[in-house]
Amino acid sequence: MTANGWAQYLLWFGDQGLVRWRQTKQQLLAVRQENREVEERLERLKEEISLLDKETVVFEEVARRDLGLVYPDDILFIDKNAPQAIKPTE
């Protein structure tokens, strides 16, 4: 292989070549997108925490919705066909 051919090979396929550069650029774009999604989720959680600090009603709603908590005198209806039905403990 000539020096020019070797230089071309390194330019395209070497550790610092264009193929590697394109792969790295795609990885960077994917990581940036993931960061945006995480930042959006973080902002939603911060807003929810802020509301929880201000409103006990919101705190109660989150406990009921996310944790399945109920008061002792609540009547609990269980839909066995629901995809995320709360199962009673024994």
N, C-alpha and C. Protein backbone atom coordinates (compact mmCIF):
# COMPACT_ATOMS: atom_id res chain seq x y z
N MET A 1 0.86 -1.18 0.00
CA MET A 1 0.00 0.00 0.00
C MET A 1 0.90 1.23 0.00
N THR A 2 0.55 2.19 -0.79
CA THR A 2 1.35 3.40 -0.88
C THR A 2 1.08 4.29 0.33
N ALA A 3 1.91 5.29 0.51
CA ALA A 3 1.75 6.22 1.63
C ALA A 3 0.43 6.97 1.51
N ASN A 4 0.08 7.31 0.27
CA ASN A 4 -1.18 8.01 0.05
C ASN A 4 -2.37 7.11 0.39
N GLY A 5 -2.27 5.84 0.01
CA GLY A 5 -3.33 4.88 0.32
C GLY A 5 -3.46 4.66 1.82
N TRP A 6 -2.33 4.60 2.50
CA TRP A 6 -2.34 4.42 3.95
C TRP A 6 -2.95 5.65 4.63
N ALA A 7 -2.62 6.81 4.14
CA ALA A 7 -3.18 8.05 4.70
C ALA A 7 -4.70 8.08 4.50
N GLN A 8 -5.13 7.66 3.34
CA GLN A 8 -6.58 7.60 3.07
C GLN A 8 -7.27 6.61 4.01
N TYR A 9 -6.66 5.46 4.20
CA TYR A 9 -7.22 4.45 5.09
C TYR A 9 -7.34 5.02 6.51
N LEU A 10 -6.28 5.65 7.00
CA LEU A 10 -6.31 6.22 8.34
C LEU A 10 -7.35 7.33 8.46
N LEU A 11 -7.46 8.12 7.40
CA LEU A 11 -8.44 9.21 7.40
C LEU A 11 -9.86 8.68 7.56
N TRP A 12 -10.16 7.59 6.88
CA TRP A 12 -11.52 7.04 6.93
C TRP A 12 -11.75 6.10 8.10
N PHE A 13 -10.83 5.21 8.36
CA PHE A 13 -11.09 4.11 9.29
C PHE A 13 -10.21 4.10 10.53
N GLY A 14 -9.26 5.00 10.66
CA GLY A 14 -8.39 5.03 11.82
C GLY A 14 -9.15 5.45 13.08
N ASP A 15 -8.45 5.40 14.22
CA ASP A 15 -9.08 5.77 15.50
C ASP A 15 -9.61 7.19 15.49
N GLN A 16 -8.99 8.05 14.72
CA GLN A 16 -9.43 9.44 14.62
C GLN A 16 -10.08 9.73 13.27
N GLY A 17 -10.49 8.69 12.56
CA GLY A 17 -11.01 8.84 11.20
C GLY A 17 -12.43 9.35 11.14
N LEU A 18 -12.88 9.57 9.93
CA LEU A 18 -14.21 10.13 9.69
C LEU A 18 -15.33 9.19 10.13
N VAL A 19 -15.13 7.89 9.96
CA VAL A 19 -16.15 6.93 10.38
C VAL A 19 -16.33 7.02 11.89
N ARG A 20 -15.22 7.04 12.61
CA ARG A 20 -15.27 7.15 14.07
C ARG A 20 -15.87 8.48 14.48
N TRP A 21 -15.55 9.55 13.77
CA TRP A 21 -16.08 10.86 14.08
C TRP A 21 -17.61 10.86 13.93
N ARG A 22 -18.11 10.25 12.86
CA ARG A 22 -19.56 10.19 12.65
C ARG A 22 -20.24 9.39 13.76
N GLN A 23 -19.65 8.26 14.16
CA GLN A 23 -20.21 7.46 15.25
C GLN A 23 -20.24 8.26 16.56
N THR A 24 -19.17 8.97 16.83
CA THR A 24 -19.09 9.77 18.05
C THR A 24 -20.12 10.89 18.01
N LYS A 25 -20.32 11.49 16.85
CA LYS A 25 -21.30 12.56 16.72
C LYS A 25 -22.71 12.02 16.98
N GLN A 26 -23.02 10.83 16.47
CA GLN A 26 -24.33 10.22 16.71
C GLN A 26 -24.52 9.89 18.19
N GLN A 27 -23.47 9.39 18.82
CA GLN A 27 -23.54 9.10 20.25
C GLN A 27 -23.78 10.38 21.05
N LEU A 28 -23.11 11.45 20.66
CA LEU A 28 -23.27 12.74 21.33
C LEU A 28 -24.71 13.23 21.21
N LEU A 29 -25.29 13.12 20.03
CA LEU A 29 -26.68 13.55 19.83
C LEU A 29 -27.63 12.73 20.69
N ALA A 30 -27.39 11.42 20.78
CA ALA A 30 -28.24 10.55 21.60
C ALA A 30 -28.12 10.92 23.07
N VAL A 31 -26.93 11.19 23.53
CA VAL A 31 -26.72 11.56 24.94
C VAL A 31 -27.38 12.91 25.23
N ARG A 32 -27.27 13.84 24.31
CA ARG A 32 -27.91 15.15 24.51
C ARG A 32 -29.43 15.00 24.59
N GLN A 33 -30.01 14.15 23.76
CA GLN A 33 -31.46 13.92 23.80
C GLN A 33 -31.85 13.30 25.14
N GLU A 34 -31.08 12.33 25.58
CA GLU A 34 -31.35 11.69 26.87
C GLU A 34 -31.24 12.71 28.01
N ASN A 35 -30.26 13.59 27.94
CA ASN A 35 -30.11 14.64 28.95
C ASN A 35 -31.32 15.56 28.97
N ARG A 36 -31.82 15.93 27.80
CA ARG A 36 -33.01 16.79 27.74
C ARG A 36 -34.20 16.11 28.40
N GLU A 37 -34.37 14.82 28.13
CA GLU A 37 -35.49 14.08 28.72
C GLU A 37 -35.35 14.01 30.24
N VAL A 38 -34.14 13.77 30.72
CA VAL A 38 -33.91 13.70 32.16
C VAL A 38 -34.13 15.07 32.80
N GLU A 39 -33.69 16.13 32.15
CA GLU A 39 -33.90 17.48 32.67
C GLU A 39 -35.38 17.83 32.73
N GLU A 40 -36.15 17.42 31.72
CA GLU A 40 -37.59 17.67 31.74
C GLU A 40 -38.26 16.93 32.89
N ARG A 41 -37.86 15.67 33.09
CA ARG A 41 -38.42 14.89 34.20
C ARG A 41 -38.03 15.51 35.53
N LEU A 42 -36.81 15.97 35.64
CA LEU A 42 -36.34 16.61 36.87
C LEU A 42 -37.15 17.86 37.16
N GLU A 43 -37.44 18.65 36.13
CA GLU A 43 -38.23 19.87 36.33
C GLU A 43 -39.65 19.52 36.79
N ARG A 44 -40.25 18.48 36.20
CA ARG A 44 -41.58 18.06 36.64
C ARG A 44 -41.56 17.62 38.09
N LEU A 45 -40.53 16.88 38.47
CA LEU A 45 -40.43 16.43 39.86
C LEU A 45 -40.20 17.60 40.81
N LYS A 46 -39.41 18.58 40.40
CA LYS A 46 -39.20 19.76 41.23
C LYS A 46 -40.51 20.52 41.43
N GLU A 47 -41.30 20.64 40.36
CA GLU A 47 -42.60 21.30 40.48
C GLU A 47 -43.51 20.54 41.42
N GLU A 48 -43.50 19.21 41.32
CA GLU A 48 -44.33 18.39 42.19
C GLU A 48 -43.89 18.53 43.65
N ILE A 49 -42.59 18.56 43.89
CA ILE A 49 -42.08 18.74 45.25
C ILE A 49 -42.48 20.09 45.79
N SER A 50 -42.40 21.11 44.95
CA SER A 50 -42.81 22.45 45.36
C SER A 50 -44.28 22.46 45.77
N LEU A 51 -45.12 21.80 44.98
CA LEU A 51 -46.54 21.73 45.32
C LEU A 51 -46.75 20.93 46.61
N LEU A 52 -45.97 19.87 46.80
CA LEU A 52 -46.12 19.07 48.01
C LEU A 52 -45.76 19.87 49.25
N ASP A 53 -44.79 20.74 49.13
CA ASP A 53 -44.42 21.58 50.26
C ASP A 53 -45.53 22.55 50.61
N LYS A 54 -46.30 22.98 49.61
CA LYS A 54 -47.34 23.99 49.83
C LYS A 54 -48.70 23.40 50.15
N GLU A 55 -49.00 22.27 49.57
CA GLU A 55 -50.35 21.73 49.68
C GLU A 55 -50.34 20.30 50.19
N THR A 56 -50.94 20.07 51.34
CA THR A 56 -51.05 18.70 51.84
C THR A 56 -52.02 17.89 51.01
N VAL A 57 -52.97 18.57 50.35
CA VAL A 57 -53.93 17.86 49.51
C VAL A 57 -53.20 17.20 48.34
N VAL A 58 -52.26 17.92 47.75
CA VAL A 58 -51.49 17.37 46.65
C VAL A 58 -50.64 16.21 47.16
N PHE A 59 -50.06 16.35 48.35
CA PHE A 59 -49.27 15.28 48.94
C PHE A 59 -50.12 14.02 49.09
N GLU A 60 -51.33 14.20 49.57
CA GLU A 60 -52.24 13.07 49.75
C GLU A 60 -52.58 12.43 48.39
N GLU A 61 -52.81 13.23 47.38
CA GLU A 61 -53.14 12.71 46.05
C GLU A 61 -51.99 11.88 45.49
N VAL A 62 -50.77 12.35 45.65
CA VAL A 62 -49.61 11.62 45.16
C VAL A 62 -49.46 10.29 45.92
N ALA A 63 -49.68 10.32 47.23
CA ALA A 63 -49.58 9.09 48.03
C ALA A 63 -50.63 8.09 47.59
N ARG A 64 -51.82 8.55 47.31
CA ARG A 64 -52.89 7.65 46.88
C ARG A 64 -52.64 7.12 45.47
N ARG A 65 -52.25 8.01 44.56
CA ARG A 65 -52.06 7.64 43.15
C ARG A 65 -50.82 6.77 42.94
N ASP A 66 -49.68 7.19 43.47
CA ASP A 66 -48.43 6.51 43.18
C ASP A 66 -48.14 5.35 44.13
N LEU A 67 -48.57 5.47 45.37
CA LEU A 67 -48.25 4.45 46.35
C LEU A 67 -49.42 3.55 46.70
N GLY A 68 -50.62 3.92 46.24
CA GLY A 68 -51.79 3.10 46.52
C GLY A 68 -52.25 3.17 47.97
N LEU A 69 -51.91 4.25 48.66
CA LEU A 69 -52.30 4.38 50.06
C LEU A 69 -53.77 4.76 50.18
N VAL A 70 -54.41 4.25 51.23
CA VAL A 70 -55.82 4.55 51.51
C VAL A 70 -55.98 4.79 53.00
N TYR A 71 -57.04 5.49 53.37
CA TYR A 71 -57.38 5.67 54.78
C TYR A 71 -58.05 4.40 55.30
N PRO A 72 -57.97 4.17 56.62
CA PRO A 72 -58.60 2.95 57.16
C PRO A 72 -60.10 2.85 56.89
N ASP A 73 -60.79 3.97 56.81
CA ASP A 73 -62.24 3.91 56.59
C ASP A 73 -62.63 4.04 55.11
N ASP A 74 -61.64 4.05 54.20
CA ASP A 74 -61.95 4.09 52.77
C ASP A 74 -62.50 2.75 52.30
N ILE A 75 -63.34 2.81 51.31
CA ILE A 75 -63.84 1.60 50.66
C ILE A 75 -63.03 1.44 49.38
N LEU A 76 -62.39 0.30 49.24
CA LEU A 76 -61.48 0.07 48.13
C LEU A 76 -62.14 -0.87 47.12
N PHE A 77 -62.24 -0.42 45.88
CA PHE A 77 -62.75 -1.24 44.80
C PHE A 77 -61.56 -1.67 43.96
N ILE A 78 -61.48 -2.96 43.66
CA ILE A 78 -60.35 -3.48 42.89
C ILE A 78 -60.88 -3.98 41.54
N ASP A 79 -60.34 -3.42 40.49
CA ASP A 79 -60.67 -3.83 39.14
C ASP A 79 -59.61 -4.82 38.69
N LYS A 80 -59.95 -6.09 38.63
CA LYS A 80 -58.98 -7.11 38.27
C LYS A 80 -58.55 -7.01 36.81
N ASN A 81 -59.31 -6.31 36.00
CA ASN A 81 -58.98 -6.15 34.58
C ASN A 81 -58.09 -4.95 34.32
N ALA A 82 -57.92 -4.11 35.33
CA ALA A 82 -57.08 -2.92 35.15
C ALA A 82 -55.63 -3.36 35.01
N PRO A 83 -54.85 -2.68 34.14
CA PRO A 83 -53.48 -3.10 33.90
C PRO A 83 -52.58 -2.96 35.14
N GLN A 84 -52.86 -1.97 36.00
CA GLN A 84 -52.03 -1.78 37.19
C GLN A 84 -52.91 -1.75 38.42
N ALA A 85 -53.75 -2.75 38.56
CA ALA A 85 -54.63 -2.80 39.71
C ALA A 85 -53.83 -3.00 40.98
N ILE A 86 -54.27 -2.35 42.04
CA ILE A 86 -53.61 -2.49 43.34
C ILE A 86 -54.10 -3.79 43.97
N LYS A 87 -53.19 -4.64 44.32
CA LYS A 87 -53.54 -5.91 44.93
C LYS A 87 -53.61 -5.75 46.45
N PRO A 88 -54.65 -6.23 47.11
CA PRO A 88 -54.71 -6.11 48.57
C PRO A 88 -53.67 -7.01 49.23
N THR A 89 -53.14 -6.53 50.35
CA THR A 89 -52.17 -7.35 51.09
C THR A 89 -52.91 -8.24 52.04
N GLU A 90 -52.33 -9.37 52.35
CA GLU A 90 -52.97 -10.33 53.26
C GLU A 90 -52.40 -10.21 54.65
